[in-house]
Amino acid sequence: MTKKIMVVDDEKDILLALETFFKSYDVDLITVNSGKACIKEVERGFKGTILVDLMMPKMTGWDTIEAIVERGLNKGLIIDVITGKGSRDKDKLMKLAPYVNDYISKPFDQKTLERILAAS
């Protein structure tokens, strides 16, 4: 069974790097550059793992996760947060903890990405 992963990040370099990494695995990969685009894909029926960056303009990763949950779209999703922030936003993390599988700091390495694949 092909694993499905969506990467949500406004940084083109991150999208390209993850696209390059996942290309060598049996992964159905979608990359989007905003929370709004992520929600559209989930509304279209995406089920799988979502790697969502926290620091994005207009709609943060937290806002994106919150919107997915509020709309009841989180069933069948594994949501991993990816961030360059050194510290965690404890209030948001506590509120959305039941919906977040993992909190991954950038830069991530190959072992981290392989762990994400194994959990998908």
C-alpha atoms as a PDB file:
ATOM      1  CA  MET A   1       0.000   0.000   0.000  1.00  0.00           C
ATOM      2  CA  THR A   2       1.417   3.351  -1.027  1.00  0.00           C
ATOM      3  CA  LYS A   3       1.865   5.817   1.814  1.00  0.00           C
ATOM      4  CA  LYS A   4       0.374   9.270   1.379  1.00  0.00           C
ATOM      5  CA  ILE A   5       2.182  12.322   2.687  1.00  0.00           C
ATOM      6  CA  MET A   6       1.366  16.006   2.335  1.00  0.00           C
ATOM      7  CA  VAL A   7       4.033  18.600   3.100  1.00  0.00           C
ATOM      8  CA  VAL A   8       2.731  22.068   3.984  1.00  0.00           C
ATOM      9  CA  ASP A   9       5.458  24.715   4.021  1.00  0.00           C
ATOM     10  CA  ASP A  10       5.884  28.183   2.556  1.00  0.00           C
ATOM     11  CA  GLU A  11       9.624  27.642   2.007  1.00  0.00           C
ATOM     12  CA  LYS A  12      10.319  26.332  -1.498  1.00  0.00           C
ATOM     13  CA  ASP A  13      13.657  24.844  -0.392  1.00  0.00           C
ATOM     14  CA  ILE A  14      11.953  22.700   2.248  1.00  0.00           C
ATOM     15  CA  LEU A  15       9.316  21.491  -0.218  1.00  0.00           C
ATOM     16  CA  LEU A  16      11.994  20.619  -2.772  1.00  0.00           C
ATOM     17  CA  ALA A  17      14.203  18.852  -0.227  1.00  0.00           C
ATOM     18  CA  LEU A  18      11.357  16.726   1.067  1.00  0.00           C
ATOM     19  CA  GLU A  19      10.127  16.008  -2.440  1.00  0.00           C
ATOM     20  CA  THR A  20      13.635  14.817  -3.353  1.00  0.00           C
ATOM     21  CA  PHE A  21      13.873  12.636  -0.239  1.00  0.00           C
ATOM     22  CA  PHE A  22      10.451  10.991  -0.582  1.00  0.00           C
ATOM     23  CA  LYS A  23      10.918  10.389  -4.325  1.00  0.00           C
ATOM     24  CA  SER A  24      13.137   7.394  -3.550  1.00  0.00           C
ATOM     25  CA  TYR A  25      10.396   5.745  -1.471  1.00  0.00           C
ATOM     26  CA  ASP A  26       6.988   4.396  -2.448  1.00  0.00           C
ATOM     27  CA  VAL A  27       5.183   7.574  -1.383  1.00  0.00           C
ATOM     28  CA  ASP A  28       2.291   9.435  -2.928  1.00  0.00           C
ATOM     29  CA  LEU A  29       3.475  12.972  -2.120  1.00  0.00           C
ATOM     30  CA  ILE A  30       1.597  16.254  -2.279  1.00  0.00           C
ATOM     31  CA  THR A  31       3.348  19.540  -1.549  1.00  0.00           C
ATOM     32  CA  VAL A  32       1.452  22.751  -0.846  1.00  0.00           C
ATOM     33  CA  ASN A  33       2.676  26.167   0.249  1.00  0.00           C
ATOM     34  CA  SER A  34      -0.139  27.296   2.550  1.00  0.00           C
ATOM     35  CA  GLY A  35      -2.602  26.197   5.182  1.00  0.00           C
ATOM     36  CA  LYS A  36      -5.481  27.129   2.905  1.00  0.00           C
ATOM     37  CA  ALA A  37      -4.167  24.797   0.168  1.00  0.00           C
ATOM     38  CA  CYS A  38      -3.735  22.035   2.753  1.00  0.00           C
ATOM     39  CA  ILE A  39      -7.348  22.340   3.879  1.00  0.00           C
ATOM     40  CA  LYS A  40      -8.522  22.182   0.251  1.00  0.00           C
ATOM     41  CA  GLU A  41      -6.607  18.911  -0.251  1.00  0.00           C
ATOM     42  CA  VAL A  42      -8.064  17.448   2.952  1.00  0.00           C
ATOM     43  CA  GLU A  43     -11.570  18.519   1.860  1.00  0.00           C
ATOM     44  CA  ARG A  44     -10.931  16.730  -1.449  1.00  0.00           C
ATOM     45  CA  GLY A  45     -10.361  13.534   0.515  1.00  0.00           C
ATOM     46  CA  PHE A  46      -6.665  13.405   1.365  1.00  0.00           C
ATOM     47  CA  LYS A  47      -5.975  10.770   4.032  1.00  0.00           C
ATOM     48  CA  GLY A  48      -2.466  10.099   5.286  1.00  0.00           C
ATOM     49  CA  THR A  49       0.324  11.988   7.004  1.00  0.00           C
ATOM     50  CA  ILE A  50       0.513  15.771   6.976  1.00  0.00           C
ATOM     51  CA  LEU A  51       3.808  17.502   7.763  1.00  0.00           C
ATOM     52  CA  VAL A  52       2.811  21.080   8.517  1.00  0.00           C
ATOM     53  CA  ASP A  53       5.150  23.995   9.162  1.00  0.00           C
ATOM     54  CA  LEU A  54       4.131  26.250  12.033  1.00  0.00           C
ATOM     55  CA  MET A  55       5.493  29.557  10.793  1.00  0.00           C
ATOM     56  CA  MET A  56       3.649  30.451   7.600  1.00  0.00           C
ATOM     57  CA  PRO A  57       2.139  33.787   6.566  1.00  0.00           C
ATOM     58  CA  LYS A  58      -1.615  34.409   6.720  1.00  0.00           C
ATOM     59  CA  MET A  59      -2.492  31.008   8.179  1.00  0.00           C
ATOM     60  CA  THR A  60      -0.036  29.399  10.601  1.00  0.00           C
ATOM     61  CA  GLY A  61       0.377  25.682  10.999  1.00  0.00           C
ATOM     62  CA  TRP A  62      -1.531  25.880  14.277  1.00  0.00           C
ATOM     63  CA  ASP A  63      -4.373  27.705  12.508  1.00  0.00           C
ATOM     64  CA  THR A  64      -4.354  25.017   9.817  1.00  0.00           C
ATOM     65  CA  ILE A  65      -4.569  22.169  12.322  1.00  0.00           C
ATOM     66  CA  GLU A  66      -7.287  23.976  14.252  1.00  0.00           C
ATOM     67  CA  ALA A  67      -9.331  24.483  11.069  1.00  0.00           C
ATOM     68  CA  ILE A  68      -8.991  20.808  10.127  1.00  0.00           C
ATOM     69  CA  VAL A  69     -10.177  19.740  13.584  1.00  0.00           C
ATOM     70  CA  GLU A  70     -13.024  22.283  13.776  1.00  0.00           C
ATOM     71  CA  ARG A  71     -14.350  21.067  10.418  1.00  0.00           C
ATOM     72  CA  GLY A  72     -14.165  17.435  11.547  1.00  0.00           C
ATOM     73  CA  LEU A  73     -11.660  16.564   8.822  1.00  0.00           C
ATOM     74  CA  ASN A  74      -8.977  15.014  11.035  1.00  0.00           C
ATOM     75  CA  LYS A  75     -10.176  11.409  10.803  1.00  0.00           C
ATOM     76  CA  GLY A  76      -7.654   9.315   8.858  1.00  0.00           C
ATOM     77  CA  LEU A  77      -4.896  11.891   9.274  1.00  0.00           C
ATOM     78  CA  ILE A  78      -1.582  11.755  11.078  1.00  0.00           C
ATOM     79  CA  ILE A  79      -0.430  15.324  11.688  1.00  0.00           C
ATOM     80  CA  ASP A  80       3.222  16.041  12.389  1.00  0.00           C
ATOM     81  CA  VAL A  81       4.352  19.582  13.096  1.00  0.00           C
ATOM     82  CA  ILE A  82       7.635  20.729  11.513  1.00  0.00           C
ATOM     83  CA  THR A  83       9.201  23.943  12.647  1.00  0.00           C
ATOM     84  CA  GLY A  84      12.316  26.043  12.762  1.00  0.00           C
ATOM     85  CA  LYS A  85      11.173  27.535  16.068  1.00  0.00           C
ATOM     86  CA  GLY A  86      13.468  26.614  18.905  1.00  0.00           C
ATOM     87  CA  SER A  87      10.747  26.621  21.535  1.00  0.00           C
ATOM     88  CA  ARG A  88       7.310  25.119  21.472  1.00  0.00           C
ATOM     89  CA  ASP A  89       4.160  27.209  21.738  1.00  0.00           C
ATOM     90  CA  LYS A  90       2.932  25.424  24.862  1.00  0.00           C
ATOM     91  CA  ASP A  91      -0.595  26.884  24.807  1.00  0.00           C
ATOM     92  CA  LYS A  92      -1.271  25.819  21.229  1.00  0.00           C
ATOM     93  CA  LEU A  93       0.485  22.500  21.714  1.00  0.00           C
ATOM     94  CA  MET A  94      -1.624  21.714  24.792  1.00  0.00           C
ATOM     95  CA  LYS A  95      -4.845  22.656  23.010  1.00  0.00           C
ATOM     96  CA  LEU A  96      -4.061  20.664  19.868  1.00  0.00           C
ATOM     97  CA  ALA A  97      -1.946  17.872  21.438  1.00  0.00           C
ATOM     98  CA  PRO A  98      -4.593  15.193  20.853  1.00  0.00           C
ATOM     99  CA  TYR A  99      -4.359  15.864  17.101  1.00  0.00           C
ATOM    100  CA  VAL A 100      -0.574  16.199  16.736  1.00  0.00           C
ATOM    101  CA  ASN A 101       1.416  13.001  16.397  1.00  0.00           C
ATOM    102  CA  ASP A 102       4.901  14.498  16.559  1.00  0.00           C
ATOM    103  CA  TYR A 103       6.728  17.819  16.857  1.00  0.00           C
ATOM    104  CA  ILE A 104       9.806  17.868  14.596  1.00  0.00           C
ATOM    105  CA  SER A 105      12.411  20.619  14.644  1.00  0.00           C
ATOM    106  CA  LYS A 106      14.172  21.802  11.496  1.00  0.00           C
ATOM    107  CA  PRO A 107      16.660  20.928  10.248  1.00  0.00           C
ATOM    108  CA  PHE A 108      15.643  17.289  10.267  1.00  0.00           C
ATOM    109  CA  ASP A 109      17.817  14.395   9.175  1.00  0.00           C
ATOM    110  CA  GLN A 110      17.288  11.226   7.181  1.00  0.00           C
ATOM    111  CA  LYS A 111      16.572   9.140  10.297  1.00  0.00           C
ATOM    112  CA  THR A 112      13.790  11.512  11.313  1.00  0.00           C
ATOM    113  CA  LEU A 113      12.211  11.339   7.860  1.00  0.00           C
ATOM    114  CA  GLU A 114      12.482   7.554   7.849  1.00  0.00           C
ATOM    115  CA  ARG A 115      10.747   7.492  11.249  1.00  0.00           C
ATOM    116  CA  ILE A 116       7.920   9.574   9.751  1.00  0.00           C
ATOM    117  CA  LEU A 117       7.628   7.089   6.894  1.00  0.00           C
ATOM    118  CA  ALA A 118       7.487   4.148   9.298  1.00  0.00           C
ATOM    119  CA  ALA A 119       4.690   5.812  11.287  1.00  0.00           C
ATOM    120  CA  SER A 120       2.666   6.722   8.161  1.00  0.00           C
END
